[in-house]
C-alpha atoms as a PDB file:
ATOM      1  CA  MET A   1     -52.261   5.449  40.878  1.00  0.00           C
ATOM      2  CA  GLU A   2     -51.416   2.207  39.386  1.00  0.00           C
ATOM      3  CA  THR A   3     -52.550   3.500  35.884  1.00  0.00           C
ATOM      4  CA  ARG A   4     -50.057   6.307  36.231  1.00  0.00           C
ATOM      5  CA  ARG A   5     -47.192   3.957  37.084  1.00  0.00           C
ATOM      6  CA  ALA A   6     -47.672   1.624  34.202  1.00  0.00           C
ATOM      7  CA  PRO A   7     -46.449   4.173  31.456  1.00  0.00           C
ATOM      8  CA  GLN A   8     -43.410   5.074  33.767  1.00  0.00           C
ATOM      9  CA  ARG A   9     -42.423   1.379  34.092  1.00  0.00           C
ATOM     10  CA  ALA A  10     -42.746   1.106  30.217  1.00  0.00           C
ATOM     11  CA  SER A  11     -40.720   4.202  29.778  1.00  0.00           C
ATOM     12  CA  LEU A  12     -37.955   2.778  32.018  1.00  0.00           C
ATOM     13  CA  ALA A  13     -38.061  -0.557  30.501  1.00  0.00           C
ATOM     14  CA  TRP A  14     -37.603   0.944  26.920  1.00  0.00           C
ATOM     15  CA  SER A  15     -34.800   3.126  28.053  1.00  0.00           C
ATOM     16  CA  VAL A  16     -32.884   0.448  29.733  1.00  0.00           C
ATOM     17  CA  VAL A  17     -33.150  -1.575  26.485  1.00  0.00           C
ATOM     18  CA  ALA A  18     -31.987   1.399  24.649  1.00  0.00           C
ATOM     19  CA  LEU A  19     -28.962   1.907  26.807  1.00  0.00           C
ATOM     20  CA  LEU A  20     -28.157  -1.791  26.372  1.00  0.00           C
ATOM     21  CA  ALA A  21     -28.144  -1.525  22.661  1.00  0.00           C
ATOM     22  CA  ALA A  22     -26.002   1.464  22.910  1.00  0.00           C
ATOM     23  CA  LEU A  23     -23.284  -0.076  25.154  1.00  0.00           C
ATOM     24  CA  PRO A  24     -21.366  -1.587  22.342  1.00  0.00           C
ATOM     25  CA  VAL A  25     -21.477   1.476  20.453  1.00  0.00           C
ATOM     26  CA  ALA A  26     -20.105   3.444  23.361  1.00  0.00           C
ATOM     27  CA  GLY A  27     -17.216   0.961  23.871  1.00  0.00           C
ATOM     28  CA  VAL A  28     -16.030   0.992  20.204  1.00  0.00           C
ATOM     29  CA  SER A  29     -16.661   4.572  19.995  1.00  0.00           C
ATOM     30  CA  MET A  30     -14.177   5.043  22.835  1.00  0.00           C
ATOM     31  CA  PHE A  31     -11.582   2.961  21.178  1.00  0.00           C
ATOM     32  CA  ARG A  32     -12.180   4.933  17.705  1.00  0.00           C
ATOM     33  CA  ALA A  33     -11.884   8.246  19.321  1.00  0.00           C
ATOM     34  CA  ILE A  34      -8.572   7.799  21.099  1.00  0.00           C
ATOM     35  CA  PRO A  35      -5.727   7.219  18.671  1.00  0.00           C
ATOM     36  CA  VAL A  36      -3.281   4.900  20.522  1.00  0.00           C
ATOM     37  CA  GLU A  37      -1.749   1.499  19.804  1.00  0.00           C
ATOM     38  CA  TRP A  38      -4.721  -0.527  21.100  1.00  0.00           C
ATOM     39  CA  PRO A  39      -4.065  -4.290  21.690  1.00  0.00           C
ATOM     40  CA  LEU A  40      -4.803  -6.926  19.057  1.00  0.00           C
ATOM     41  CA  ILE A  41      -8.564  -7.535  20.030  1.00  0.00           C
ATOM     42  CA  VAL A  42      -9.318  -3.909  19.827  1.00  0.00           C
ATOM     43  CA  VAL A  43      -7.560  -3.418  16.492  1.00  0.00           C
ATOM     44  CA  GLN A  44      -9.715  -6.132  15.034  1.00  0.00           C
ATOM     45  CA  LEU A  45     -12.857  -4.726  16.644  1.00  0.00           C
ATOM     46  CA  LEU A  46     -12.159  -1.271  15.117  1.00  0.00           C
ATOM     47  CA  SER A  47     -12.480  -2.801  11.503  1.00  0.00           C
ATOM     48  CA  PHE A  48     -16.029  -3.196  12.173  1.00  0.00           C
ATOM     49  CA  THR A  49     -16.703   0.405  13.204  1.00  0.00           C
ATOM     50  CA  PRO A  50     -19.070   1.406  10.363  1.00  0.00           C
ATOM     51  CA  TRP A  51     -21.465  -1.335  11.302  1.00  0.00           C
ATOM     52  CA  MET A  52     -21.889   0.491  14.760  1.00  0.00           C
ATOM     53  CA  VAL A  53     -24.482   2.782  13.111  1.00  0.00           C
ATOM     54  CA  VAL A  54     -26.931  -0.153  13.042  1.00  0.00           C
ATOM     55  CA  PRO A  55     -27.231  -0.618  16.910  1.00  0.00           C
ATOM     56  CA  ALA A  56     -26.821   3.135  17.319  1.00  0.00           C
ATOM     57  CA  VAL A  57     -29.871   3.749  15.144  1.00  0.00           C
ATOM     58  CA  LEU A  58     -31.712   1.048  17.084  1.00  0.00           C
ATOM     59  CA  ALA A  59     -30.591   2.707  20.546  1.00  0.00           C
ATOM     60  CA  LEU A  60     -31.900   5.986  19.520  1.00  0.00           C
ATOM     61  CA  VAL A  61     -35.285   4.674  18.269  1.00  0.00           C
ATOM     62  CA  LEU A  62     -35.726   2.818  21.543  1.00  0.00           C
ATOM     63  CA  ALA A  63     -34.681   5.924  23.405  1.00  0.00           C
ATOM     64  CA  LEU A  64     -37.424   7.929  21.624  1.00  0.00           C
ATOM     65  CA  ILE A  65     -39.955   5.334  22.641  1.00  0.00           C
ATOM     66  CA  GLY A  66     -38.801   5.489  26.238  1.00  0.00           C
ATOM     67  CA  ARG A  67     -39.067   9.341  26.167  1.00  0.00           C
ATOM     68  CA  ARG A  68     -36.390   9.848  28.747  1.00  0.00           C
ATOM     69  CA  ARG A  69     -34.514  13.113  27.796  1.00  0.00           C
ATOM     70  CA  TRP A  70     -31.057  12.108  28.975  1.00  0.00           C
ATOM     71  CA  VAL A  71     -31.174   8.757  27.343  1.00  0.00           C
ATOM     72  CA  ILE A  72     -32.340  10.337  24.002  1.00  0.00           C
ATOM     73  CA  ILE A  73     -29.398  12.763  24.239  1.00  0.00           C
ATOM     74  CA  THR A  74     -26.827  10.046  24.967  1.00  0.00           C
ATOM     75  CA  THR A  75     -27.965   7.775  22.166  1.00  0.00           C
ATOM     76  CA  ALA A  76     -28.158  10.715  19.710  1.00  0.00           C
ATOM     77  CA  ALA A  77     -24.607  11.610  20.322  1.00  0.00           C
ATOM     78  CA  LEU A  78     -23.411   8.182  19.817  1.00  0.00           C
ATOM     79  CA  LEU A  79     -25.333   8.100  16.492  1.00  0.00           C
ATOM     80  CA  GLY A  80     -23.712  11.343  15.605  1.00  0.00           C
ATOM     81  CA  ALA A  81     -20.288  10.094  16.191  1.00  0.00           C
ATOM     82  CA  GLN A  82     -20.924   7.204  13.959  1.00  0.00           C
ATOM     83  CA  LEU A  83     -22.033   9.408  11.267  1.00  0.00           C
ATOM     84  CA  PHE A  84     -19.156  11.590  11.647  1.00  0.00           C
ATOM     85  CA  TRP A  85     -16.749   8.570  11.287  1.00  0.00           C
ATOM     86  CA  LEU A  86     -18.738   7.339   8.179  1.00  0.00           C
ATOM     87  CA  PHE A  87     -18.380  10.673   6.475  1.00  0.00           C
ATOM     88  CA  PRO A  88     -14.996  11.809   7.963  1.00  0.00           C
ATOM     89  CA  LEU A  89     -14.253  15.630   7.573  1.00  0.00           C
ATOM     90  CA  ASP A  90     -10.660  14.956   8.254  1.00  0.00           C
ATOM     91  CA  ALA A  91     -10.324  12.702   5.088  1.00  0.00           C
ATOM     92  CA  GLY A  92      -7.688  13.904   2.384  1.00  0.00           C
ATOM     93  CA  LYS A  93      -9.057  15.270  -0.685  1.00  0.00           C
ATOM     94  CA  PRO A  94      -7.417  15.788  -4.221  1.00  0.00           C
ATOM     95  CA  GLU A  95      -5.938  19.268  -4.510  1.00  0.00           C
ATOM     96  CA  PRO A  96      -7.199  21.211  -7.484  1.00  0.00           C
ATOM     97  CA  LEU A  97      -4.428  21.767 -10.018  1.00  0.00           C
ATOM     98  CA  PRO A  98      -3.734  25.321 -11.365  1.00  0.00           C
ATOM     99  CA  ALA A  99      -5.648  25.959 -14.658  1.00  0.00           C
ATOM    100  CA  GLY A 100      -4.109  24.781 -17.616  1.00  0.00           C
ATOM    101  CA  THR A 101      -1.925  22.217 -16.081  1.00  0.00           C
ATOM    102  CA  PRO A 102      -1.441  19.378 -18.350  1.00  0.00           C
ATOM    103  CA  THR A 103      -2.781  15.907 -17.108  1.00  0.00           C
ATOM    104  CA  VAL A 104      -2.783  12.353 -18.056  1.00  0.00           C
ATOM    105  CA  PRO A 105      -5.838  10.179 -17.200  1.00  0.00           C
ATOM    106  CA  LEU A 106      -5.405   6.587 -15.870  1.00  0.00           C
ATOM    107  CA  ARG A 107      -7.607   3.806 -15.184  1.00  0.00           C
ATOM    108  CA  VAL A 108      -6.408   1.543 -12.348  1.00  0.00           C
ATOM    109  CA  MET A 109      -7.353  -1.630 -10.630  1.00  0.00           C
ATOM    110  CA  SER A 110      -6.165  -3.725  -7.795  1.00  0.00           C
ATOM    111  CA  LEU A 111      -7.042  -7.288  -6.478  1.00  0.00           C
ATOM    112  CA  ASN A 112      -5.626  -9.532  -3.858  1.00  0.00           C
ATOM    113  CA  SER A 113      -6.164 -12.918  -5.648  1.00  0.00           C
ATOM    114  CA  GLU A 114      -6.271 -15.216  -2.453  1.00  0.00           C
ATOM    115  CA  PHE A 115      -3.274 -17.408  -3.245  1.00  0.00           C
ATOM    116  CA  GLY A 116      -3.777 -17.063  -7.027  1.00  0.00           C
ATOM    117  CA  GLU A 117      -7.257 -18.744  -6.861  1.00  0.00           C
ATOM    118  CA  ALA A 118      -9.021 -15.675  -8.359  1.00  0.00           C
ATOM    119  CA  ASP A 119     -10.834 -16.424 -11.768  1.00  0.00           C
ATOM    120  CA  ALA A 120      -8.303 -15.373 -14.543  1.00  0.00           C
ATOM    121  CA  ALA A 121     -10.993 -15.039 -17.113  1.00  0.00           C
ATOM    122  CA  THR A 122     -13.015 -12.699 -15.026  1.00  0.00           C
ATOM    123  CA  ILE A 123      -9.862 -10.531 -14.076  1.00  0.00           C
ATOM    124  CA  VAL A 124      -9.096 -10.153 -17.914  1.00  0.00           C
ATOM    125  CA  GLU A 125     -12.788  -9.400 -18.628  1.00  0.00           C
ATOM    126  CA  LEU A 126     -13.004  -6.763 -16.020  1.00  0.00           C
ATOM    127  CA  VAL A 127      -9.671  -5.180 -17.347  1.00  0.00           C
ATOM    128  CA  ARG A 128     -10.972  -5.116 -20.913  1.00  0.00           C
ATOM    129  CA  ASP A 129     -14.656  -4.005 -19.891  1.00  0.00           C
ATOM    130  CA  ASN A 130     -13.541  -1.156 -17.643  1.00  0.00           C
ATOM    131  CA  GLY A 131     -10.692   0.088 -19.869  1.00  0.00           C
ATOM    132  CA  ILE A 132      -8.079  -0.644 -17.252  1.00  0.00           C
ATOM    133  CA  GLN A 133      -4.622   0.612 -17.994  1.00  0.00           C
ATOM    134  CA  LEU A 134      -2.773  -0.396 -14.815  1.00  0.00           C
ATOM    135  CA  LEU A 135      -3.258  -3.447 -12.700  1.00  0.00           C
ATOM    136  CA  THR A 136      -1.979  -4.655  -9.287  1.00  0.00           C
ATOM    137  CA  ILE A 137      -2.245  -8.225  -8.100  1.00  0.00           C
ATOM    138  CA  GLN A 138      -1.403  -9.435  -4.521  1.00  0.00           C
ATOM    139  CA  GLU A 139      -0.870 -12.926  -3.705  1.00  0.00           C
ATOM    140  CA  HIS A 140       0.031 -13.596  -7.175  1.00  0.00           C
ATOM    141  CA  THR A 141       1.237 -17.112  -8.177  1.00  0.00           C
ATOM    142  CA  GLN A 142       2.859 -18.735 -11.218  1.00  0.00           C
ATOM    143  CA  GLY A 143      -0.471 -20.695 -11.896  1.00  0.00           C
ATOM    144  CA  LEU A 144      -2.420 -17.426 -11.839  1.00  0.00           C
ATOM    145  CA  GLU A 145       0.057 -15.861 -14.183  1.00  0.00           C
ATOM    146  CA  ASP A 146      -0.163 -18.761 -16.676  1.00  0.00           C
ATOM    147  CA  ARG A 147      -3.929 -18.613 -16.585  1.00  0.00           C
ATOM    148  CA  LEU A 148      -4.006 -14.948 -17.048  1.00  0.00           C
ATOM    149  CA  THR A 149      -1.729 -15.306 -20.104  1.00  0.00           C
ATOM    150  CA  SER A 150      -4.034 -18.031 -21.543  1.00  0.00           C
ATOM    151  CA  ALA A 151      -7.129 -15.719 -20.896  1.00  0.00           C
ATOM    152  CA  GLY A 152      -5.538 -13.081 -22.940  1.00  0.00           C
ATOM    153  CA  MET A 153      -4.001 -10.615 -20.423  1.00  0.00           C
ATOM    154  CA  GLU A 154      -1.098  -9.818 -22.638  1.00  0.00           C
ATOM    155  CA  ASP A 155      -3.684  -8.474 -25.389  1.00  0.00           C
ATOM    156  CA  VAL A 156      -4.943  -5.737 -23.129  1.00  0.00           C
ATOM    157  CA  LEU A 157      -2.028  -5.076 -20.581  1.00  0.00           C
ATOM    158  CA  PRO A 158       1.237  -6.247 -22.534  1.00  0.00           C
ATOM    159  CA  ASN A 159       3.637  -5.023 -20.003  1.00  0.00           C
ATOM    160  CA  ARG A 160       4.471  -6.899 -16.792  1.00  0.00           C
ATOM    161  CA  VAL A 161       6.528  -6.849 -13.737  1.00  0.00           C
ATOM    162  CA  SER A 162       5.980 -10.157 -11.682  1.00  0.00           C
ATOM    163  CA  GLU A 163       7.308 -11.995  -8.626  1.00  0.00           C
ATOM    164  CA  PRO A 164       4.887 -15.023  -8.342  1.00  0.00           C
ATOM    165  CA  ASN A 165       4.995 -17.011  -5.171  1.00  0.00           C
ATOM    166  CA  ASP A 166       2.797 -19.659  -3.737  1.00  0.00           C
ATOM    167  CA  ASP A 167       3.052 -18.351  -0.150  1.00  0.00           C
ATOM    168  CA  ALA A 168       0.979 -15.414  -0.332  1.00  0.00           C
ATOM    169  CA  SER A 169       4.015 -13.121  -0.878  1.00  0.00           C
ATOM    170  CA  GLY A 170       3.851 -12.673  -4.559  1.00  0.00           C
ATOM    171  CA  GLY A 171       2.862  -9.813  -6.604  1.00  0.00           C
ATOM    172  CA  ALA A 172       2.549  -8.529 -10.079  1.00  0.00           C
ATOM    173  CA  VAL A 173       1.905  -5.526 -11.955  1.00  0.00           C
ATOM    174  CA  TYR A 174       0.274  -5.385 -15.602  1.00  0.00           C
ATOM    175  CA  SER A 175       0.126  -2.224 -17.717  1.00  0.00           C
ATOM    176  CA  VAL A 176      -0.468  -0.707 -21.050  1.00  0.00           C
ATOM    177  CA  PHE A 177       2.448   1.717 -20.347  1.00  0.00           C
ATOM    178  CA  PRO A 178       6.270   0.880 -19.889  1.00  0.00           C
ATOM    179  CA  LEU A 179       7.422  -0.309 -16.390  1.00  0.00           C
ATOM    180  CA  GLU A 180      10.543   0.158 -14.577  1.00  0.00           C
ATOM    181  CA  PRO A 181      11.138  -1.890 -11.345  1.00  0.00           C
ATOM    182  CA  ASP A 182      12.321   0.751  -8.639  1.00  0.00           C
ATOM    183  CA  GLY A 183      13.035  -1.335  -5.593  1.00  0.00           C
ATOM    184  CA  LEU A 184      11.279  -3.223  -2.850  1.00  0.00           C
ATOM    185  CA  LEU A 185      10.324  -1.890   0.722  1.00  0.00           C
ATOM    186  CA  PRO A 186      12.617  -3.478   3.058  1.00  0.00           C
ATOM    187  CA  ASP A 187      11.783  -5.918   5.834  1.00  0.00           C
ATOM    188  CA  THR A 188       8.220  -6.703   4.896  1.00  0.00           C
ATOM    189  CA  PRO A 189       6.942 -10.382   4.985  1.00  0.00           C
ATOM    190  CA  PHE A 190       4.907  -9.973   1.814  1.00  0.00           C
ATOM    191  CA  ARG A 191       6.559  -8.228  -1.169  1.00  0.00           C
ATOM    192  CA  ILE A 192       5.717  -4.389  -1.483  1.00  0.00           C
ATOM    193  CA  ASP A 193       7.491  -3.582  -4.904  1.00  0.00           C
ATOM    194  CA  VAL A 194       7.759  -0.196  -6.121  1.00  0.00           C
ATOM    195  CA  THR A 195       7.512   0.414  -9.943  1.00  0.00           C
ATOM    196  CA  ARG A 196       7.930   3.362 -11.954  1.00  0.00           C
ATOM    197  CA  VAL A 197       5.117   3.734 -14.548  1.00  0.00           C
ATOM    198  CA  LEU A 198       5.647   6.031 -17.471  1.00  0.00           C
ATOM    199  CA  VAL A 199       1.984   7.113 -18.491  1.00  0.00           C
ATOM    200  CA  SER A 200       1.065   9.094 -21.264  1.00  0.00           C
ATOM    201  CA  ASN A 201      -1.858  10.700 -23.000  1.00  0.00           C
ATOM    202  CA  PRO A 202      -2.041   9.998 -26.721  1.00  0.00           C
ATOM    203  CA  GLU A 203      -4.543  12.797 -27.429  1.00  0.00           C
ATOM    204  CA  SER A 204      -2.591  15.642 -25.746  1.00  0.00           C
ATOM    205  CA  GLY A 205       1.015  14.206 -25.814  1.00  0.00           C
ATOM    206  CA  SER A 206       1.367  14.809 -22.137  1.00  0.00           C
ATOM    207  CA  ARG A 207       3.645  12.374 -20.135  1.00  0.00           C
ATOM    208  CA  ALA A 208       4.013  11.721 -16.329  1.00  0.00           C
ATOM    209  CA  SER A 209       5.877   9.474 -14.175  1.00  0.00           C
ATOM    210  CA  LEU A 210       4.152   7.505 -11.419  1.00  0.00           C
ATOM    211  CA  ASN A 211       5.594   5.890  -8.451  1.00  0.00           C
ATOM    212  CA  LEU A 212       3.350   2.660  -7.813  1.00  0.00           C
ATOM    213  CA  SER A 213       3.650   0.667  -4.740  1.00  0.00           C
ATOM    214  CA  ASN A 214       1.875  -2.730  -4.830  1.00  0.00           C
ATOM    215  CA  VAL A 215       0.806  -2.873  -1.347  1.00  0.00           C
ATOM    216  CA  HIS A 216       0.348  -6.073   0.852  1.00  0.00           C
ATOM    217  CA  ALA A 217       0.667  -5.390   4.491  1.00  0.00           C
ATOM    218  CA  LEU A 218       0.655  -8.253   7.080  1.00  0.00           C
ATOM    219  CA  PRO A 219      -2.638  -8.746   8.797  1.00  0.00           C
ATOM    220  CA  PRO A 220      -3.090  -7.725  12.417  1.00  0.00           C
ATOM    221  CA  VAL A 221      -3.197 -11.130  13.912  1.00  0.00           C
ATOM    222  CA  ASP A 222      -1.608 -12.662  17.055  1.00  0.00           C
ATOM    223  CA  GLU A 223       2.137 -11.488  17.450  1.00  0.00           C
ATOM    224  CA  ARG A 224       2.275 -10.239  13.940  1.00  0.00           C
ATOM    225  CA  ILE A 225       0.488  -7.058  14.860  1.00  0.00           C
ATOM    226  CA  ASP A 226       3.721  -5.252  15.370  1.00  0.00           C
ATOM    227  CA  GLN A 227       4.841  -6.181  12.045  1.00  0.00           C
ATOM    228  CA  TRP A 228       1.555  -4.880  10.525  1.00  0.00           C
ATOM    229  CA  ARG A 229       2.317  -1.435  12.184  1.00  0.00           C
ATOM    230  CA  SER A 230       5.846  -1.597  10.833  1.00  0.00           C
ATOM    231  CA  ASP A 231       4.668  -2.357   7.179  1.00  0.00           C
ATOM    232  CA  LEU A 232       2.165   0.593   7.269  1.00  0.00           C
ATOM    233  CA  GLY A 233       5.143   2.738   8.608  1.00  0.00           C
ATOM    234  CA  LYS A 234       7.234   1.751   5.785  1.00  0.00           C
ATOM    235  CA  ILE A 235       4.377   2.477   3.193  1.00  0.00           C
ATOM    236  CA  ALA A 236       3.933   5.977   4.781  1.00  0.00           C
ATOM    237  CA  ARG A 237       7.805   6.631   4.408  1.00  0.00           C
ATOM    238  CA  GLN A 238       7.710   5.608   0.735  1.00  0.00           C
ATOM    239  CA  ALA A 239       4.634   8.111   0.264  1.00  0.00           C
ATOM    240  CA  SER A 240       6.655  10.884   1.901  1.00  0.00           C
ATOM    241  CA  GLU A 241       9.143  10.766  -1.078  1.00  0.00           C
ATOM    242  CA  SER A 242       8.791  13.364  -3.908  1.00  0.00           C
ATOM    243  CA  GLY A 243       6.780  12.658  -6.883  1.00  0.00           C
ATOM    244  CA  ASN A 244       3.378  11.163  -7.973  1.00  0.00           C
ATOM    245  CA  HIS A 245       2.377   8.320  -5.815  1.00  0.00           C
ATOM    246  CA  LEU A 246      -0.010   5.648  -6.197  1.00  0.00           C
ATOM    247  CA  LEU A 247       0.100   2.959  -3.438  1.00  0.00           C
ATOM    248  CA  MET A 248      -2.900   0.345  -3.969  1.00  0.00           C
ATOM    249  CA  GLY A 249      -3.435  -3.118  -2.541  1.00  0.00           C
ATOM    250  CA  ASP A 250      -4.445  -4.923   0.458  1.00  0.00           C
ATOM    251  CA  TYR A 251      -3.543  -2.764   3.602  1.00  0.00           C
ATOM    252  CA  ASN A 252      -5.374  -5.200   5.944  1.00  0.00           C
ATOM    253  CA  ALA A 253      -6.323  -1.969   7.710  1.00  0.00           C
ATOM    254  CA  THR A 254      -9.702   0.231   7.564  1.00  0.00           C
ATOM    255  CA  TYR A 255      -9.792   4.072   7.739  1.00  0.00           C
ATOM    256  CA  ASP A 256     -10.931   3.444  11.349  1.00  0.00           C
ATOM    257  CA  HIS A 257      -7.333   2.256  12.251  1.00  0.00           C
ATOM    258  CA  SER A 258      -5.253   5.278  13.686  1.00  0.00           C
ATOM    259  CA  GLU A 259      -2.376   3.597  12.056  1.00  0.00           C
ATOM    260  CA  PHE A 260      -3.958   3.957   8.626  1.00  0.00           C
ATOM    261  CA  ARG A 261      -4.985   7.454   9.360  1.00  0.00           C
ATOM    262  CA  ASP A 262      -1.236   8.245  10.275  1.00  0.00           C
ATOM    263  CA  LEU A 263      -0.211   6.805   7.051  1.00  0.00           C
ATOM    264  CA  LEU A 264      -2.464   9.300   5.365  1.00  0.00           C
ATOM    265  CA  ASP A 265      -1.097  12.210   7.207  1.00  0.00           C
ATOM    266  CA  ILE A 266       2.360  10.908   5.717  1.00  0.00           C
ATOM    267  CA  GLY A 267       3.332  10.087   9.494  1.00  0.00           C
ATOM    268  CA  LEU A 268       5.691   7.617  10.968  1.00  0.00           C
ATOM    269  CA  GLY A 269       8.650   8.749   9.148  1.00  0.00           C
ATOM    270  CA  GLY A 270       7.276  11.137   6.717  1.00  0.00           C
ATOM    271  CA  THR A 271       6.315  14.764   7.187  1.00  0.00           C
ATOM    272  CA  SER A 272       3.102  16.377   6.254  1.00  0.00           C
ATOM    273  CA  SER A 273       3.507  19.588   4.109  1.00  0.00           C
ATOM    274  CA  GLY A 274       1.075  22.512   4.474  1.00  0.00           C
ATOM    275  CA  GLY A 275      -1.476  20.350   6.272  1.00  0.00           C
ATOM    276  CA  THR A 276      -2.047  18.175   3.162  1.00  0.00           C
ATOM    277  CA  LYS A 277      -2.725  14.423   3.195  1.00  0.00           C
ATOM    278  CA  LEU A 278      -2.618  11.607   1.100  1.00  0.00           C
ATOM    279  CA  VAL A 279      -5.978  10.694  -0.487  1.00  0.00           C
ATOM    280  CA  ASP A 280      -7.690   7.337   0.208  1.00  0.00           C
ATOM    281  CA  VAL A 281      -9.674   7.282  -2.889  1.00  0.00           C
ATOM    282  CA  GLY A 282     -12.480   4.998  -1.501  1.00  0.00           C
ATOM    283  CA  THR A 283     -13.010   7.352   1.447  1.00  0.00           C
ATOM    284  CA  ALA A 284     -12.929  10.343  -0.659  1.00  0.00           C
ATOM    285  CA  SER A 285     -15.450   9.141  -3.000  1.00  0.00           C
ATOM    286  CA  SER A 286     -19.190   9.213  -2.111  1.00  0.00           C
ATOM    287  CA  GLY A 287     -19.776   5.503  -1.340  1.00  0.00           C
ATOM    288  CA  GLY A 288     -16.370   4.038  -0.709  1.00  0.00           C
ATOM    289  CA  ARG A 289     -16.970   3.526   3.134  1.00  0.00           C
ATOM    290  CA  PHE A 290     -20.194   1.452   2.216  1.00  0.00           C
ATOM    291  CA  SER A 291     -18.452  -0.736  -0.173  1.00  0.00           C
ATOM    292  CA  PRO A 292     -16.654  -3.655   1.611  1.00  0.00           C
ATOM    293  CA  THR A 293     -13.731  -5.292  -0.067  1.00  0.00           C
ATOM    294  CA  TRP A 294     -13.552  -8.389   2.225  1.00  0.00           C
ATOM    295  CA  PRO A 295     -14.570 -11.024   2.763  1.00  0.00           C
ATOM    296  CA  MET A 296     -16.300 -11.832  -0.440  1.00  0.00           C
ATOM    297  CA  GLU A 297     -16.203 -15.671   0.492  1.00  0.00           C
ATOM    298  CA  GLY A 298     -15.920 -17.779   3.545  1.00  0.00           C
ATOM    299  CA  PRO A 299     -17.605 -17.106   6.842  1.00  0.00           C
ATOM    300  CA  PRO A 300     -20.403 -14.678   6.805  1.00  0.00           C
ATOM    301  CA  LEU A 301     -18.578 -11.721   8.584  1.00  0.00           C
ATOM    302  CA  PRO A 302     -19.819  -8.220   8.124  1.00  0.00           C
ATOM    303  CA  GLY A 303     -17.886  -6.713   5.331  1.00  0.00           C
ATOM    304  CA  ILE A 304     -14.995  -4.426   5.838  1.00  0.00           C
ATOM    305  CA  VAL A 305     -12.815  -2.115   3.638  1.00  0.00           C
ATOM    306  CA  ILE A 306      -9.226  -3.136   3.807  1.00  0.00           C
ATOM    307  CA  ASP A 307      -8.133  -2.741   0.074  1.00  0.00           C
ATOM    308  CA  HIS A 308      -7.290   0.849  -0.676  1.00  0.00           C
ATOM    309  CA  MET A 309      -5.935   3.165  -3.475  1.00  0.00           C
ATOM    310  CA  VAL A 310      -3.905   5.859  -1.951  1.00  0.00           C
ATOM    311  CA  THR A 311      -2.658   8.597  -3.855  1.00  0.00           C
ATOM    312  CA  SER A 312      -0.598  11.872  -3.588  1.00  0.00           C
ATOM    313  CA  PRO A 313      -2.872  14.824  -3.102  1.00  0.00           C
ATOM    314  CA  GLY A 314      -2.057  16.282  -6.606  1.00  0.00           C
ATOM    315  CA  ILE A 315      -3.555  13.257  -8.252  1.00  0.00           C
ATOM    316  CA  GLY A 316      -7.472  13.554  -8.959  1.00  0.00           C
ATOM    317  CA  SER A 317      -9.696  10.553  -8.748  1.00  0.00           C
ATOM    318  CA  SER A 318     -13.340   9.547  -9.724  1.00  0.00           C
ATOM    319  CA  ASP A 319     -15.443   6.510 -10.604  1.00  0.00           C
ATOM    320  CA  TYR A 320     -14.319   4.398  -7.711  1.00  0.00           C
ATOM    321  CA  ALA A 321     -15.945   1.086  -7.724  1.00  0.00           C
ATOM    322  CA  VAL A 322     -15.769  -2.345  -5.919  1.00  0.00           C
ATOM    323  CA  LEU A 323     -16.152  -5.413  -8.189  1.00  0.00           C
ATOM    324  CA  ARG A 324     -16.406  -8.971  -7.243  1.00  0.00           C
ATOM    325  CA  VAL A 325     -14.169 -11.693  -8.571  1.00  0.00           C
ATOM    326  CA  PRO A 326     -14.897 -15.386  -8.216  1.00  0.00           C
ATOM    327  CA  GLY A 327     -12.447 -17.456  -6.367  1.00  0.00           C
ATOM    328  CA  SER A 328     -11.048 -14.555  -4.299  1.00  0.00           C
ATOM    329  CA  ASP A 329     -12.135 -13.531  -0.761  1.00  0.00           C
ATOM    330  CA  HIS A 330     -11.254  -9.909  -1.859  1.00  0.00           C
ATOM    331  CA  ALA A 331     -13.252  -7.667  -4.211  1.00  0.00           C
ATOM    332  CA  ALA A 332     -11.267  -5.847  -6.906  1.00  0.00           C
ATOM    333  CA  ILE A 333     -11.137  -1.964  -6.641  1.00  0.00           C
ATOM    334  CA  THR A 334     -11.201   0.340  -9.698  1.00  0.00           C
ATOM    335  CA  ALA A 335     -10.974   4.170 -10.237  1.00  0.00           C
ATOM    336  CA  ARG A 336     -10.024   6.822 -12.693  1.00  0.00           C
ATOM    337  CA  LEU A 337      -7.076   8.797 -11.785  1.00  0.00           C
ATOM    338  CA  ILE A 338      -5.968  12.221 -13.147  1.00  0.00           C
ATOM    339  CA  ILE A 339      -1.884  12.580 -12.844  1.00  0.00           C
ATOM    340  CA  PRO A 340      -0.383  15.958 -13.392  1.00  0.00           C
ATOM    341  CA  ALA A 341       2.155  15.772 -16.206  1.00  0.00           C
ATOM    342  CA  GLY A 342       5.773  16.383 -15.910  1.00  0.00           C
END
């Protein structure tokens, strides 16, 4: 009799440990599944949703050892939810263009320079080595601008629209193509400039106009969480305007925030057309959800993806990459875009 009870006790022990491992996964899953305006602590916790796959796998392994069916089913369901969110079926994808549509290829890059402390020589080197034609910088300062000039930025990206500032609100756009300032999103603590970029393809002669927004949303901390939501709403409204849109920079939001997914649905002031969505290039790519963009320096926190390239659905994308830049706690993000001409 005692011999029979020993395996039962072991099974119970393993199952209890499995459920304990699954408990935080279940909590985060509930918050992730219900798209409401959660309080600050939940919003910050949701940033780390992709990491929940680790305890979810552990919980399932422990449940299999415990061999209790209902525990196995429960932990398997939780792991399934994490995998669904890692590879979201509801993510926007670029729409195929009609055959024969003229297009313009464009290589782009964005970087939050952390108060202008990013290494200028590395930025110029990345631009040159990756054939970058359009660059946005957040937290741009006059000191960084001077160092970029000294490092030869004007040789590779000669056109510039710049508003440097030392309080993290500055921004800059560098380009090989002509730039036309086209306004500023209203009432955002950090500058979110809109610039019209006149891109062209020398080989085919095709030309396109691109509405570029240099995004820097306020982070969701303390009482500023309402401003964070307001910033994302204004970005969504900008994206709902007609034309080809590229909105790239530091959103201080991940795909696991319902506020960011609302933006991709062209919500909060915009209207979705025919069920189409804006495209988060990193999420649409094969590995963007596994390539954290912050923090690259500082406390050893689990990495998260808060820097994004968001495009109109008619713009194709490929070659998404995340590149480290010394001096900044953010990584640079790069991609190749295909913009319909016209």
